[in-house]
């Protein structure tokens, strides 16, 4: 197999394809049920040291109105909070609107803090945007391409793949080098989307 890039051509027996939110750009080669969304996170000032990383843990908040996650204030940077569900659809190649482009960017985060962690609902110190690549079931896709068994696919990490990077890397290396893995990846196979 040969991969052509602006920097040159590369040859290999097997490749790993992990295009993140850009999988839609590869639809002529591979069609995956992945949708990309714009997500926001914010860091909020806290009332006191109750939310300092030395005493307060990372957290999740699951409510009927949405799911949130966050981290304590590290060195006074403020409590970080993001929303796991929802998000604004985003297309690869389009500009990713900055934090604050939508009123709900801060409102959703602030409302969750005011309801569940009011001492952490101070002034917004900083906001940022990122992308999620969501599968319909929010589980990963790790498998061989259905037509080209020498291409290993990895995607649909739905905002939490980074937490499993070392394990996913090991599985991908197994698949690329040996064509199989001893890990159970049956729930990550492409066949689950077959209709």
Foldseek 3Di string as FASTA:
>chain_A
DWDQDPVGIDDDQFEEDEPEQQVVVVVVPDDAQKFKFKWKKFFFAFQDCCQEQVHHAWDWDDDPVFIKTWGGQYPRRGIMMITLDDGHTDHPPDDRDFQPPDPVSLVVVLVVCVVPPVRRNHDTPDMGMDMAIAHPVQDWAWAADPVHLRYTYTYRNSPPVVVCVVVSVVQNCCCNVPVGDPDDPVVNYPVVPPD
